[in-house]
Amino acid sequence: MESGTRQGALSPCAACKLIRRRCAEDCVFAPYFPADEPQKFASVHKVFGASNVNKMLQELPEHQRSEAVSSMVYEANARFRDPVRGCVGAISSLQQQVESLQAQLALAQAEVEQMRMRLISPSSSSCHN
């Protein structure tokens, strides 16, 4: 594609549109915040601010930026669900679920072992008579 004819030049990315700036050919936001996903940048912008997101992306190697954006989007959405704890709240909740399920599994395994022992006991005692 020729310079100036990329999609971002015709249609600004979601970030540039929200912060009302011209979307340059080398816009750091464009690859990660496409125009058809405006809520993605809006939530990140509300939590981190456009300037901070820009700085974070600029400081990272390009191959790490996509993952960083995914993390920022996840954290921003978690902050809206739980403004105090953010994704730490989600992690804590999942840890509690894991602990509860591990306890349930241990009980089920103990019950299976008891049933197995009951099935083995009568047959082994009848062999000794």
Protein backbone atom coordinates (compact mmCIF):
# COMPACT_ATOMS: atom_id res chain seq x y z
CA MET A 1 0.00 0.00 0.00
CA GLU A 2 1.12 3.51 -0.66
CA SER A 3 1.79 5.90 2.17
CA GLY A 4 -1.37 7.65 3.25
CA THR A 5 -3.72 5.02 1.86
CA ARG A 6 -3.76 2.63 4.82
CA GLN A 7 -7.06 2.11 6.56
CA GLY A 8 -5.96 4.18 9.57
CA ALA A 9 -5.42 7.21 7.35
CA LEU A 10 -8.92 6.93 5.91
CA SER A 11 -10.53 5.97 9.19
CA PRO A 12 -8.73 6.93 12.38
CA CYS A 13 -8.09 4.19 14.93
CA ALA A 14 -10.36 4.04 17.97
CA ALA A 15 -7.73 5.78 20.12
CA CYS A 16 -7.18 8.74 17.80
CA LYS A 17 -10.91 9.10 17.25
CA LEU A 18 -11.61 9.18 21.01
CA ILE A 19 -8.83 11.63 21.86
CA ARG A 20 -9.60 13.64 18.71
CA ARG A 21 -6.25 13.66 17.06
CA ARG A 22 -5.08 12.91 13.53
CA CYS A 23 -4.21 9.24 13.12
CA ALA A 24 -0.69 9.27 11.68
CA GLU A 25 0.74 6.56 9.44
CA ASP A 26 2.97 5.37 12.33
CA CYS A 27 0.29 5.66 15.04
CA VAL A 28 1.31 3.42 17.95
CA PHE A 29 -2.35 2.79 18.83
CA ALA A 30 -3.65 1.80 15.36
CA PRO A 31 -2.51 -1.85 15.29
CA TYR A 32 -4.07 -2.58 18.68
CA PHE A 33 -7.16 -0.36 18.83
CA PRO A 34 -8.96 -0.65 15.48
CA ALA A 35 -11.75 1.76 14.58
CA ASP A 36 -14.37 -1.00 14.80
CA GLU A 37 -13.56 -1.66 18.49
CA PRO A 38 -14.01 1.77 20.12
CA GLN A 39 -14.93 0.38 23.57
CA LYS A 40 -11.60 -1.41 23.81
CA PHE A 41 -9.62 1.84 23.86
CA ALA A 42 -12.30 3.75 25.77
CA SER A 43 -12.03 1.43 28.77
CA VAL A 44 -8.21 1.39 28.68
CA HIS A 45 -8.16 5.19 28.37
CA LYS A 46 -10.46 5.62 31.39
CA VAL A 47 -8.24 3.49 33.61
CA PHE A 48 -4.73 4.27 32.36
CA GLY A 49 -5.01 7.45 30.28
CA ALA A 50 -3.95 7.80 26.65
CA SER A 51 -0.58 9.32 27.52
CA ASN A 52 0.36 6.45 29.84
CA VAL A 53 -0.79 3.83 27.33
CA ASN A 54 1.27 5.58 24.66
CA LYS A 55 4.36 5.59 26.94
CA MET A 56 3.93 1.92 27.86
CA LEU A 57 3.62 0.88 24.23
CA GLN A 58 6.57 3.01 23.13
CA GLU A 59 8.80 1.44 25.81
CA LEU A 60 8.01 -2.12 24.75
CA PRO A 61 9.46 -4.02 21.81
CA GLU A 62 6.83 -4.41 19.08
CA HIS A 63 6.54 -8.17 19.58
CA GLN A 64 5.34 -7.59 23.19
CA ARG A 65 2.83 -4.82 22.53
CA SER A 66 -0.11 -7.00 21.59
CA GLU A 67 0.12 -8.94 24.86
CA ALA A 68 0.52 -5.70 26.80
CA VAL A 69 -2.63 -4.29 25.20
CA SER A 70 -4.52 -7.50 26.01
CA SER A 71 -3.40 -7.18 29.63
CA MET A 72 -4.41 -3.51 29.79
CA VAL A 73 -7.83 -4.30 28.33
CA TYR A 74 -8.31 -7.15 30.82
CA GLU A 75 -7.25 -4.98 33.76
CA ALA A 76 -9.43 -2.07 32.62
CA ASN A 77 -12.49 -4.32 32.30
CA ALA A 78 -11.72 -5.88 35.70
CA ARG A 79 -11.49 -2.38 37.23
CA PHE A 80 -14.98 -1.59 35.97
CA ARG A 81 -16.35 -4.78 37.56
CA ASP A 82 -14.40 -4.30 40.80
CA PRO A 83 -12.99 -0.75 41.11
CA VAL A 84 -11.02 -1.53 44.27
CA ARG A 85 -9.38 -4.88 43.53
CA GLY A 86 -9.48 -5.08 39.72
CA CYS A 87 -8.08 -8.33 38.37
CA VAL A 88 -6.67 -9.19 41.81
CA GLY A 89 -10.30 -9.66 42.88
CA ALA A 90 -10.91 -12.01 39.95
CA ILE A 91 -7.75 -13.96 40.77
CA SER A 92 -8.73 -14.23 44.45
CA SER A 93 -12.18 -15.46 43.50
CA LEU A 94 -10.71 -18.08 41.17
CA GLN A 95 -8.25 -19.21 43.87
CA GLN A 96 -11.14 -19.68 46.31
CA GLN A 97 -13.00 -21.71 43.69
CA VAL A 98 -9.92 -23.89 43.13
CA GLU A 99 -9.55 -24.50 46.88
CA SER A 100 -13.23 -25.38 47.20
CA LEU A 101 -13.08 -27.75 44.24
CA GLN A 102 -9.91 -29.37 45.60
CA ALA A 103 -11.69 -30.00 48.90
CA GLN A 104 -14.69 -31.48 47.06
CA LEU A 105 -12.38 -33.68 45.01
CA ALA A 106 -10.59 -34.92 48.15
CA LEU A 107 -13.96 -35.85 49.71
CA ALA A 108 -15.07 -37.65 46.56
CA GLN A 109 -11.77 -39.53 46.37
CA ALA A 110 -12.12 -40.56 50.04
CA GLU A 111 -15.67 -41.82 49.39
CA VAL A 112 -14.49 -43.81 46.37
CA GLU A 113 -11.69 -45.34 48.45
CA GLN A 114 -14.16 -46.29 51.23
CA MET A 115 -16.50 -47.94 48.69
CA ARG A 116 -13.57 -49.77 47.13
CA MET A 117 -12.46 -51.02 50.53
CA ARG A 118 -16.00 -52.21 51.34
CA LEU A 119 -16.14 -54.16 48.09
CA ILE A 120 -12.74 -55.73 48.70
CA SER A 121 -13.32 -56.58 52.40
CA PRO A 122 -16.31 -58.97 52.06
CA SER A 123 -14.72 -60.89 49.21
CA SER A 124 -11.37 -61.28 50.98
CA SER A 125 -13.01 -62.39 54.26
CA SER A 126 -15.13 -65.00 52.48
CA CYS A 127 -11.98 -66.57 51.00
CA HIS A 128 -10.56 -67.21 54.50
CA ASN A 129 -13.58 -69.18 55.77
